[in-house]
Amino acid sequence: MEGRDDFIKELFQKKYEQLIRKGYRLTGDMQRAQDLVQETFLSR
């Protein structure tokens, strides 16, 4: 399970900015975009 957690952490760090930008384009709201990205990774 630890290997999976490490992978998800690394993925989050690598893709966070890209996902925020995409979320912002979809929602038009930076705070909502950040919330969506964080909720996605926390709900694993």
Protein backbone atom coordinates (compact mmCIF):
# COMPACT_ATOMS: atom_id res chain seq x y z
CA MET A 1 0.00 0.00 0.00
CA GLU A 2 2.92 2.35 0.72
CA GLY A 3 4.14 2.08 -2.87
CA ARG A 4 0.70 3.12 -4.09
CA ASP A 5 0.68 6.10 -1.73
CA ASP A 6 4.12 7.17 -2.98
CA PHE A 7 2.94 6.88 -6.58
CA ILE A 8 -0.16 9.00 -5.93
CA LYS A 9 1.91 11.62 -4.09
CA GLU A 10 4.39 11.80 -6.98
CA LEU A 11 1.58 11.99 -9.54
CA PHE A 12 -0.10 14.78 -7.58
CA GLN A 13 3.14 16.77 -7.40
CA LYS A 14 3.86 16.33 -11.11
CA LYS A 15 0.37 17.05 -12.42
CA TYR A 16 -1.09 19.50 -9.87
CA GLU A 17 -0.52 22.70 -11.87
CA GLN A 18 -1.76 21.14 -15.10
CA LEU A 19 -4.90 19.85 -13.40
CA ILE A 20 -5.54 23.23 -11.74
CA ARG A 21 -5.33 25.00 -15.11
CA LYS A 22 -7.72 22.50 -16.69
CA GLY A 23 -10.10 22.79 -13.74
CA TYR A 24 -10.01 26.56 -14.00
CA ARG A 25 -10.85 26.41 -17.72
CA LEU A 26 -13.81 24.18 -16.91
CA THR A 27 -15.14 26.11 -13.92
CA GLY A 28 -13.91 29.68 -14.39
CA ASP A 29 -13.19 29.73 -10.65
CA MET A 30 -9.68 29.20 -9.31
CA GLN A 31 -10.79 28.22 -5.80
CA ARG A 32 -13.26 25.68 -7.17
CA ALA A 33 -10.59 24.28 -9.50
CA GLN A 34 -8.20 23.80 -6.56
CA ASP A 35 -10.92 22.20 -4.47
CA LEU A 36 -11.82 19.77 -7.25
CA VAL A 37 -8.23 18.65 -7.73
CA GLN A 38 -7.66 18.18 -4.02
CA GLU A 39 -10.96 16.34 -3.57
CA THR A 40 -10.08 14.02 -6.44
CA PHE A 41 -6.78 13.01 -4.87
CA LEU A 42 -8.16 12.77 -1.34
CA SER A 43 -11.08 10.56 -2.35
CA ARG A 44 -8.85 7.73 -3.54
